[in-house]
Protein backbone atom coordinates (compact mmCIF):
# COMPACT_ATOMS: atom_id res chain seq x y z
CA MET A 1 -9.70 -31.20 34.16
CA ARG A 2 -6.53 -29.99 35.90
CA ASP A 3 -3.64 -28.81 33.67
CA GLY A 4 -0.90 -30.44 35.70
CA GLY A 5 1.10 -27.45 37.02
CA ALA A 6 3.72 -27.90 39.75
CA LYS A 7 1.31 -26.94 42.65
CA GLU A 8 -1.41 -29.11 41.17
CA THR A 9 0.97 -32.05 41.05
CA ARG A 10 1.68 -31.55 44.73
CA VAL A 11 -2.03 -31.20 45.65
CA ARG A 12 -2.60 -34.46 43.79
CA GLU A 13 0.20 -36.06 45.72
CA VAL A 14 -1.12 -34.82 48.97
CA LEU A 15 -4.50 -36.47 48.50
CA ARG A 16 -2.81 -39.64 47.11
CA LEU A 17 -0.64 -39.90 50.18
CA CYS A 18 -3.68 -39.61 52.46
CA ALA A 19 -5.32 -42.51 50.49
CA ASN A 20 -2.11 -44.55 50.56
CA MET A 21 -1.83 -44.18 54.28
CA ASP A 22 -5.32 -45.44 54.85
CA GLU A 23 -4.78 -48.26 52.32
CA GLN A 24 -1.60 -49.21 54.32
CA ALA A 25 -3.59 -49.15 57.59
CA GLU A 26 -6.37 -51.24 56.00
CA ARG A 27 -3.77 -53.88 54.97
CA LEU A 28 -2.17 -54.02 58.37
CA TYR A 29 -5.51 -54.46 60.19
CA GLY A 30 -6.55 -57.09 57.68
CA GLU A 31 -3.38 -59.06 58.35
CA LEU A 32 -3.78 -58.66 62.16
CA ALA A 33 -7.33 -60.05 61.83
CA ARG A 34 -5.95 -63.00 59.84
CA PHE A 35 -3.23 -63.91 62.23
CA CYS A 36 -4.86 -63.09 65.59
CA LYS A 37 -5.77 -66.12 67.48
CA ASP A 38 -8.33 -64.49 69.77
CA PRO A 39 -11.71 -64.51 67.88
CA ASP A 40 -13.02 -61.36 69.60
CA LEU A 41 -9.87 -59.33 68.94
CA ALA A 42 -9.65 -60.68 65.32
CA THR A 43 -13.27 -59.36 64.77
CA THR A 44 -12.17 -55.94 66.09
CA PHE A 45 -9.21 -55.82 63.74
CA ALA A 46 -11.42 -56.87 60.81
CA GLN A 47 -13.83 -53.96 61.57
CA LEU A 48 -10.90 -51.57 61.87
CA ALA A 49 -9.78 -52.74 58.37
CA ARG A 50 -13.29 -52.01 57.05
CA ASP A 51 -13.16 -48.60 58.59
CA GLU A 52 -9.87 -47.86 56.91
CA ALA A 53 -11.29 -48.98 53.54
CA GLU A 54 -14.05 -46.37 53.99
CA HIS A 55 -11.51 -43.71 54.88
CA THR A 56 -9.55 -44.51 51.74
CA GLY A 57 -12.77 -44.05 49.82
CA TRP A 58 -13.13 -40.51 51.27
CA TRP A 59 -9.68 -39.52 49.88
CA GLU A 60 -10.25 -41.26 46.61
CA ASP A 61 -13.56 -39.36 46.14
CA LEU A 62 -11.88 -36.00 46.98
CA LEU A 63 -9.10 -36.78 44.58
CA THR A 64 -11.54 -37.50 41.81
CA ALA A 65 -13.55 -34.43 42.59
CA TRP A 66 -10.36 -32.24 42.72
CA GLU A 67 -9.14 -33.69 39.34
CA GLN A 68 -12.54 -32.85 37.83
CA GLY A 69 -12.26 -29.19 38.99
CA LEU A 70 -15.04 -29.60 41.54
CA LEU A 71 -12.86 -28.50 44.48
CA PRO A 72 -10.48 -25.65 44.93
CA ASP A 73 -6.82 -26.12 45.54
CA ILE A 74 -7.15 -27.18 49.13
CA VAL A 75 -3.99 -25.76 50.67
CA ASN A 76 -1.43 -23.11 49.88
CA GLU A 77 1.71 -24.59 51.54
CA THR A 78 1.48 -27.79 49.49
CA GLU A 79 5.23 -28.53 49.36
CA ASP A 80 5.64 -28.51 53.22
CA LEU A 81 2.43 -30.51 53.57
CA GLU A 82 3.57 -33.11 51.04
CA GLN A 83 6.92 -33.52 52.83
CA ARG A 84 5.14 -33.87 56.19
CA LEU A 85 2.81 -36.54 54.75
CA SER A 86 5.64 -38.38 53.05
CA THR A 87 7.43 -38.62 56.36
CA LEU A 88 4.30 -39.97 58.09
CA TYR A 89 3.84 -42.44 55.29
CA ASP A 90 7.36 -43.71 55.49
CA GLU A 91 7.00 -44.20 59.23
CA LEU A 92 3.75 -46.10 58.79
CA SER A 93 5.28 -48.26 56.06
CA ALA A 94 8.17 -49.12 58.41
CA VAL A 95 5.57 -50.29 60.95
CA GLY A 96 4.04 -52.41 58.26
CA ALA A 97 7.27 -54.26 57.71
CA THR A 98 6.85 -56.10 60.97
CA GLN A 99 6.44 -59.91 60.73
CA LEU A 100 2.78 -59.78 61.79
CA ALA A 101 2.32 -63.61 62.00
CA GLU A 102 4.89 -63.77 64.74
CA LEU A 103 3.28 -61.17 66.98
CA ASP A 104 1.41 -62.11 70.16
CA GLN A 105 -1.78 -60.40 71.20
CA ASP A 106 0.03 -57.70 73.27
CA ALA A 107 2.33 -56.83 70.36
CA MET A 108 -0.68 -56.67 67.99
CA LEU A 109 -2.54 -54.19 70.14
CA ALA A 110 0.58 -52.12 70.58
CA LEU A 111 1.17 -52.10 66.84
CA ALA A 112 -2.47 -51.06 66.25
CA ALA A 113 -2.05 -48.18 68.78
CA ARG A 114 1.14 -46.97 66.93
CA VAL A 115 -0.77 -46.98 63.69
CA GLU A 116 -3.48 -44.75 65.12
CA PHE A 117 -0.96 -42.44 66.59
CA PHE A 118 0.18 -41.75 63.14
CA MET A 119 -3.32 -41.41 61.72
CA ILE A 120 -4.50 -38.86 64.39
CA ASP A 121 -1.93 -36.35 63.18
CA PRO A 122 -3.64 -32.92 63.02
CA VAL A 123 -2.92 -32.68 59.25
CA PHE A 124 -5.80 -35.08 58.45
CA SER A 125 -8.35 -33.10 60.44
CA GLU A 126 -7.15 -29.93 58.76
CA LEU A 127 -7.53 -31.40 55.27
CA ILE A 128 -11.02 -32.77 56.02
CA ASN A 129 -12.08 -29.37 57.36
CA LEU A 130 -10.74 -27.61 54.30
CA THR A 131 -11.96 -29.88 51.62
CA GLU A 132 -15.42 -30.86 52.86
CA PRO A 133 -16.51 -28.43 55.65
CA ALA A 134 -20.15 -29.57 55.27
CA ARG A 135 -19.24 -33.23 55.87
CA ALA A 136 -16.37 -32.66 58.27
CA THR A 137 -18.43 -33.28 61.47
CA ARG A 138 -19.67 -36.61 60.18
CA ARG A 139 -16.20 -37.65 59.02
CA HIS A 140 -14.67 -36.72 62.38
CA ALA A 141 -17.40 -38.69 64.16
CA ALA A 142 -16.80 -41.70 62.03
CA TYR A 143 -13.05 -41.64 62.82
CA GLN A 144 -13.71 -41.18 66.47
CA ALA A 145 -15.88 -44.29 66.46
CA HIS A 146 -13.07 -46.05 64.59
CA LEU A 147 -10.53 -45.03 67.21
CA GLN A 148 -12.87 -45.91 70.05
CA ARG A 149 -13.09 -49.54 68.79
CA LEU A 150 -9.35 -49.84 69.41
CA VAL A 151 -9.49 -48.07 72.77
CA ASP A 152 -12.35 -50.40 73.86
CA ALA A 153 -10.47 -53.45 72.67
CA ILE A 154 -7.40 -52.48 74.73
CA GLY A 155 -9.74 -51.84 77.76
CA ARG A 156 -11.21 -55.34 77.50
CA TYR A 157 -7.74 -56.95 77.76
CA TYR A 158 -5.88 -54.66 80.11
CA ASP A 159 -6.50 -52.97 83.38
CA PRO A 160 -6.79 -49.15 83.08
CA GLY A 161 -3.86 -48.79 85.43
CA SER A 162 -1.58 -50.91 83.23
CA LEU A 163 0.87 -49.46 80.68
CA ALA A 164 -1.38 -50.63 77.82
CA GLY A 165 -4.42 -49.05 79.45
CA LEU A 166 -2.49 -45.80 79.81
CA LEU A 167 -1.60 -45.95 76.23
CA ALA A 168 -5.22 -46.32 75.22
CA SER A 169 -6.21 -43.35 77.35
CA VAL A 170 -3.42 -41.26 75.91
CA LEU A 171 -4.49 -42.14 72.41
CA ALA A 172 -8.09 -41.17 73.08
CA ARG A 173 -7.13 -37.92 74.80
CA THR A 174 -4.71 -36.96 71.99
CA TRP A 175 -7.49 -37.28 69.47
CA GLN A 176 -9.79 -35.20 71.56
CA ASP A 177 -7.20 -32.54 72.07
CA THR A 178 -6.43 -32.48 68.38
CA GLN A 179 -10.06 -32.03 67.50
CA ARG A 180 -10.64 -29.41 70.05
CA LEU A 181 -7.68 -27.33 68.87
CA ALA A 182 -8.81 -27.63 65.28
CA VAL A 183 -12.23 -26.46 66.17
CA GLN A 184 -11.00 -23.58 68.25
CA ALA A 185 -8.76 -22.31 65.44
CA THR A 186 -11.42 -22.25 62.78
CA HIS A 187 -14.84 -21.93 64.63
CA ASP A 188 -16.69 -19.33 66.55
CA THR A 189 -17.23 -20.53 70.10
CA LEU A 190 -20.76 -19.07 70.59
CA THR A 191 -22.50 -20.15 67.40
CA GLY A 192 -20.30 -23.08 66.39
CA LEU A 193 -20.01 -21.60 62.84
CA HIS A 194 -16.76 -21.16 61.01
CA ASN A 195 -14.88 -17.94 61.96
CA ARG A 196 -13.10 -15.14 60.04
CA ARG A 197 -9.92 -17.13 59.91
CA ALA A 198 -11.76 -19.98 58.14
CA LEU A 199 -13.39 -17.40 55.74
CA TYR A 200 -10.04 -16.02 54.76
CA THR A 201 -8.79 -19.62 54.20
CA HIS A 202 -11.64 -20.83 52.17
CA LEU A 203 -12.67 -17.80 50.13
CA PRO A 204 -9.33 -17.34 48.25
CA GLN A 205 -9.40 -20.98 47.27
CA TRP A 206 -12.97 -20.83 46.00
CA ALA A 207 -12.26 -17.56 44.20
CA ALA A 208 -9.28 -19.23 42.43
CA TRP A 209 -11.38 -22.26 41.55
CA SER A 210 -14.15 -20.02 40.17
CA ALA A 211 -11.72 -18.03 37.98
CA ARG A 212 -9.90 -21.04 36.73
CA TYR A 213 -12.95 -23.09 35.64
CA GLY A 214 -15.38 -20.32 34.86
CA HIS A 215 -17.79 -21.58 37.54
CA PRO A 216 -20.11 -19.11 39.36
CA LEU A 217 -19.37 -18.09 43.00
CA THR A 218 -21.72 -16.16 45.17
CA VAL A 219 -20.69 -14.38 48.41
CA LEU A 220 -23.35 -13.14 50.82
CA LEU A 221 -23.21 -10.88 53.88
CA VAL A 222 -26.05 -11.29 56.32
CA ASP A 223 -26.73 -8.76 59.03
CA ILE A 224 -29.24 -9.12 61.95
CA ASP A 225 -31.54 -6.13 61.86
CA PHE A 226 -31.48 -3.75 64.88
CA PHE A 227 -29.56 -6.31 66.96
CA LYS A 228 -28.30 -3.66 69.38
CA GLY A 229 -31.91 -3.11 70.32
CA VAL A 230 -32.33 -6.85 71.12
CA ASN A 231 -29.38 -6.59 73.57
CA ASP A 232 -30.62 -3.35 75.07
CA GLU A 233 -34.23 -4.47 75.64
CA TYR A 234 -33.80 -8.17 76.41
CA GLY A 235 -30.17 -8.41 77.73
CA HIS A 236 -26.98 -9.90 76.39
CA ALA A 237 -27.80 -13.48 77.41
CA THR A 238 -30.97 -13.33 75.30
CA GLY A 239 -28.96 -11.59 72.51
CA ASP A 240 -26.56 -14.53 72.56
CA SER A 241 -29.53 -16.97 72.26
CA ALA A 242 -30.73 -14.94 69.29
CA LEU A 243 -27.34 -15.11 67.60
CA LYS A 244 -27.22 -18.81 68.03
CA ALA A 245 -30.74 -19.23 66.67
CA VAL A 246 -29.93 -17.22 63.60
CA ALA A 247 -26.73 -19.11 63.05
CA ALA A 248 -28.67 -22.39 63.17
CA ALA A 249 -31.24 -20.93 60.80
CA LEU A 250 -28.60 -20.01 58.24
CA ARG A 251 -27.16 -23.47 58.35
CA ARG A 252 -30.63 -24.85 57.62
CA ALA A 253 -31.31 -22.49 54.78
CA VAL A 254 -28.13 -23.00 52.77
CA ARG A 255 -27.00 -26.10 50.85
CA SER A 256 -24.63 -28.59 52.40
CA ALA A 257 -21.84 -27.39 50.09
CA ASP A 258 -22.11 -23.72 51.28
CA LEU A 259 -19.96 -22.38 54.10
CA VAL A 260 -21.55 -20.14 56.79
CA VAL A 261 -19.20 -17.93 58.76
CA ARG A 262 -19.69 -15.59 61.74
CA TYR A 263 -18.10 -12.56 60.13
CA GLY A 264 -18.59 -10.03 62.97
CA GLY A 265 -20.69 -9.47 66.04
CA ASP A 266 -24.06 -9.77 64.41
CA GLU A 267 -22.97 -10.25 60.83
CA PHE A 268 -22.45 -13.46 58.90
CA ALA A 269 -20.89 -14.36 55.58
CA ILE A 270 -21.82 -17.21 53.25
CA ILE A 271 -19.69 -18.71 50.48
CA ALA A 272 -22.00 -20.39 47.95
CA PRO A 273 -20.02 -22.12 45.18
CA GLU A 274 -22.01 -23.00 42.00
CA THR A 275 -24.73 -20.42 42.84
CA THR A 276 -25.72 -18.51 39.74
CA LEU A 277 -27.48 -15.15 39.40
CA ALA A 278 -30.77 -17.10 38.80
CA GLU A 279 -30.28 -19.06 42.08
CA TYR A 280 -29.39 -15.99 44.05
CA ASP A 281 -33.01 -15.04 44.69
CA ASP A 282 -33.96 -18.61 45.85
CA LEU A 283 -31.07 -18.83 48.29
CA THR A 284 -31.63 -15.40 49.86
CA SER A 285 -35.39 -15.88 49.97
CA ARG A 286 -34.92 -19.08 51.96
CA ILE A 287 -32.65 -17.27 54.34
CA LEU A 288 -35.10 -14.36 54.89
CA THR A 289 -38.04 -16.81 55.51
CA THR A 290 -36.11 -19.14 57.80
CA VAL A 291 -34.92 -16.32 60.04
CA ARG A 292 -38.29 -14.47 60.07
CA THR A 293 -40.13 -17.56 61.26
CA LEU A 294 -37.75 -18.29 64.19
CA GLU A 295 -39.39 -18.65 67.54
CA VAL A 296 -37.00 -17.06 70.03
CA THR A 297 -38.15 -15.95 73.52
CA ASP A 298 -36.51 -14.37 76.51
CA GLU A 299 -36.54 -15.76 80.03
CA ARG A 300 -39.95 -14.20 80.59
CA GLY A 301 -41.41 -15.89 77.48
CA ARG A 302 -41.58 -12.75 75.47
CA HIS A 303 -41.24 -13.31 71.65
CA ILE A 304 -38.27 -11.65 70.03
CA PRO A 305 -38.93 -10.75 66.43
CA LEU A 306 -35.85 -11.29 64.25
CA SER A 307 -35.07 -10.47 60.72
CA VAL A 308 -31.96 -10.09 58.53
CA SER A 309 -30.73 -7.90 55.70
CA ILE A 310 -28.75 -9.60 52.98
CA GLY A 311 -26.31 -8.37 50.39
CA GLY A 312 -24.40 -10.32 47.89
CA THR A 313 -22.17 -10.58 44.87
CA VAL A 314 -22.13 -13.07 42.06
CA ALA A 315 -18.85 -13.64 40.18
CA LEU A 316 -18.77 -15.54 36.94
CA ASP A 317 -15.47 -14.86 35.09
CA PRO A 318 -14.30 -16.64 31.96
CA ALA A 319 -12.33 -19.79 32.53
CA GLY A 320 -8.60 -18.95 33.06
CA SER A 321 -9.28 -15.49 34.59
CA VAL A 322 -7.33 -13.85 37.35
CA PRO A 323 -8.99 -14.79 40.64
CA ARG A 324 -11.12 -12.00 42.26
CA ARG A 325 -9.51 -10.66 45.41
CA VAL A 326 -11.22 -11.46 48.69
CA ASP A 327 -11.52 -7.81 49.66
CA MET A 328 -13.24 -7.07 46.24
CA LEU A 329 -15.75 -9.90 46.81
CA LEU A 330 -16.57 -8.85 50.38
CA ALA A 331 -16.70 -5.10 49.47
CA SER A 332 -19.13 -5.90 46.58
CA ALA A 333 -21.38 -7.92 48.87
CA ASP A 334 -21.25 -5.03 51.40
CA GLN A 335 -22.41 -2.59 48.77
CA SER A 336 -25.48 -4.76 48.22
CA LEU A 337 -26.01 -5.08 51.90
CA TYR A 338 -25.96 -1.29 52.29
CA VAL A 339 -28.81 -0.97 49.69
CA ALA A 340 -30.86 -3.54 51.62
CA LYS A 341 -30.41 -1.58 54.85
CA ARG A 342 -31.06 1.77 53.12
CA ASP A 343 -34.29 0.53 51.59
CA GLY A 344 -35.79 -0.55 54.86
CA ARG A 345 -33.99 -3.73 56.09
CA ALA A 346 -35.52 -7.21 56.30
CA ARG A 347 -34.83 -7.60 52.61
CA VAL A 348 -32.23 -8.55 50.00
CA GLY A 349 -30.05 -6.06 48.21
CA PRO A 350 -29.59 -6.54 44.47
CA PRO A 351 -26.41 -8.61 43.85
CA VAL A 352 -23.36 -6.88 42.61
CA LEU A 353 -22.40 -8.73 39.32
CA LEU A 354 -18.86 -9.42 38.37
CA GLY A 355 -17.41 -10.82 35.12
CA ILE A 356 -19.81 -12.55 32.72
CA ALA A 357 -22.60 -12.01 35.24
CA GLU A 358 -22.43 -8.27 34.48
CA GLU A 359 -22.86 -8.95 30.78
CA LEU A 360 -25.98 -11.09 31.45
CA THR A 361 -27.84 -8.01 32.64
CA ALA A 362 -26.31 -5.42 30.33
């Protein structure tokens, strides 16, 4: 369990504020459904309320997982984030003070649009991406469907050229722009994987979590063998196809909780929390096999054999330790990768063991 330090109190408050905002939105939509005289629109409001209840559950689950030590501290600038969320919550609460029973249909739809403008703030996308990268795509898709319900409802009652119709299109466009910017900031455009910026955001947090609770943390570096030769023989377009195929293979081979990153041109990094020394071989074996069995061809139908070399480090420090530095974790994985390449490639280097893991093989 968490020990209740100042930063931890703020992290808890950040997650609690997110849940409270969705609870407030759920209440508002439920009231709109109750007072709306149009049955079709009332049904839409009721569905929006159910969506918000589900969103509240996301934050509650994250808060529970965080309090149990199953997630790292999700952000570093918690004080600024807490203030920003508090401001949003106050604004949303002020919206909720409206006498809902007295609103006509137009005012109800305008109120719903105002609520969603608060809820599409980029901070929520950033938090979802940080806390649950493996589920982020599904969560964003669920919210987009939620938002589209409201946009469609406005479209059924107002002409696209009207002020309300314009408001709906602006709402949808703002959400799309927010998502695109969030993806561009943290993802590689070619492969769709997380990028180095995401790696240097996530890895310090997982290292701190590992050291604080004494849970194992594995970091892998994966390098495509002789990739320059693929580009030289088959062309860069085919090389790009090979990169995308390997990226997809890595995502299939790892667990949903693991984070796959495009680390360099033909090199990838994987953060694998809760992966022990005993599980290292299973994980790396799956990666080798999944890549080796890829069916990638060029524009002439020629098969392109692909393989990877893998290096890794397993950290298991006693609970309450000083977190391992990111550069140490990556350098240790790189040492292991060097051995794999030196010994012939298409293989796994022995993991570099840190902390208690070192003692297990002493």
